[in-house]
Amino acid sequence: MLLEDQIPKIKKLIKDKLGDIPTDVIKNEVLMRASFRKLYHSLPRMIRIAIGEKKFEDFCMINRERLLSLGNAVSKNFSDTNYENINSK
């Protein structure tokens, strides 16, 4: 199962389970990771069996602009910095 193919479903889950996320939270990596871990536990069991929590969390962090429909609201530099941080862990 490719998570890339599940983006529309993940977006719906974010809206249903997490609601609107304030901009200051979106910029906070610790709170966003905690939010995506909470979201992971809301996924159907079969998806959780196929995809590990850490992999899901990292995918969501890398793709959070797309998942949260921010478009250009978050700068490219911010996204690149977080992507590098995730890769170094």
Protein backbone atom coordinates (compact mmCIF):
# COMPACT_ATOMS: atom_id res chain seq x y z
CA MET A 1 0.00 0.00 0.00
CA LEU A 2 1.44 3.32 -1.06
CA LEU A 3 0.67 6.17 1.28
CA GLU A 4 0.87 8.55 -1.67
CA ASP A 5 -2.31 6.95 -3.03
CA GLN A 6 -4.05 7.47 0.31
CA ILE A 7 -3.61 11.26 0.53
CA PRO A 8 -7.32 12.04 -0.07
CA LYS A 9 -8.34 9.60 2.69
CA ILE A 10 -5.67 10.94 5.06
CA LYS A 11 -6.87 14.51 4.38
CA LYS A 12 -10.42 13.46 5.26
CA LEU A 13 -9.23 11.79 8.46
CA ILE A 14 -7.30 14.93 9.43
CA LYS A 15 -10.43 17.02 8.94
CA ASP A 16 -12.67 14.54 10.80
CA LYS A 17 -10.34 13.56 13.66
CA LEU A 18 -8.07 16.57 14.18
CA GLY A 19 -10.21 19.42 12.85
CA ASP A 20 -8.68 22.77 12.00
CA ILE A 21 -5.05 23.00 13.05
CA PRO A 22 -3.84 26.48 14.05
CA THR A 23 -0.90 27.90 12.08
CA ASP A 24 1.34 28.06 15.16
CA VAL A 25 0.80 24.32 15.71
CA ILE A 26 1.60 23.55 12.06
CA LYS A 27 5.00 25.18 12.53
CA ASN A 28 5.67 23.17 15.71
CA GLU A 29 7.26 19.87 14.71
CA VAL A 30 6.71 18.21 18.11
CA LEU A 31 2.98 19.01 18.18
CA MET A 32 2.52 18.00 14.54
CA ARG A 33 4.24 14.65 15.13
CA ALA A 34 1.98 14.08 18.15
CA SER A 35 -1.06 14.96 16.03
CA PHE A 36 -0.03 12.55 13.27
CA ARG A 37 0.58 9.78 15.85
CA LYS A 38 -2.94 10.39 17.19
CA LEU A 39 -4.24 10.23 13.63
CA TYR A 40 -2.37 6.96 13.01
CA HIS A 41 -4.31 5.32 15.83
CA SER A 42 -7.53 6.42 14.12
CA LEU A 43 -6.65 4.57 10.93
CA PRO A 44 -8.43 1.30 10.13
CA ARG A 45 -6.65 -1.70 11.62
CA MET A 46 -5.69 -3.17 8.23
CA ILE A 47 -3.86 0.03 7.28
CA ARG A 48 -2.06 0.10 10.64
CA ILE A 49 -0.95 -3.49 10.07
CA ALA A 50 0.43 -2.60 6.63
CA ILE A 51 2.05 0.74 7.59
CA GLY A 52 4.13 1.32 10.71
CA GLU A 53 3.48 4.29 12.97
CA LYS A 54 6.89 5.89 12.38
CA LYS A 55 6.61 5.53 8.61
CA PHE A 56 3.14 7.12 8.66
CA GLU A 57 4.31 9.93 10.92
CA ASP A 58 7.34 10.69 8.72
CA PHE A 59 5.21 10.58 5.56
CA CYS A 60 2.72 13.03 7.07
CA MET A 61 5.48 15.38 8.23
CA ILE A 62 7.09 15.44 4.80
CA ASN A 63 3.72 15.95 3.08
CA ARG A 64 1.96 18.12 5.65
CA GLU A 65 1.53 21.06 3.26
CA ARG A 66 -0.42 18.84 0.88
CA LEU A 67 -2.29 17.04 3.65
CA LEU A 68 -3.36 20.24 5.34
CA SER A 69 -4.12 21.98 2.01
CA LEU A 70 -1.80 24.85 2.85
CA GLY A 71 -0.50 25.43 -0.64
CA ASN A 72 1.88 28.35 -0.33
CA ALA A 73 0.93 29.22 3.25
CA VAL A 74 4.11 27.62 4.57
CA SER A 75 7.35 28.70 2.98
CA LYS A 76 9.44 26.33 0.88
CA ASN A 77 12.42 26.89 3.21
CA PHE A 78 10.36 25.72 6.17
CA SER A 79 9.38 22.55 4.33
CA ASP A 80 12.94 21.81 3.19
CA THR A 81 14.32 22.30 6.68
CA ASN A 82 11.86 19.87 8.22
CA TYR A 83 12.47 17.32 5.49
CA GLU A 84 16.21 17.43 6.21
CA ASN A 85 15.54 17.05 9.94
CA ILE A 86 13.40 13.97 9.33
CA ASN A 87 16.07 12.38 7.14
CA SER A 88 18.77 12.92 9.75
CA LYS A 89 16.84 11.01 12.45
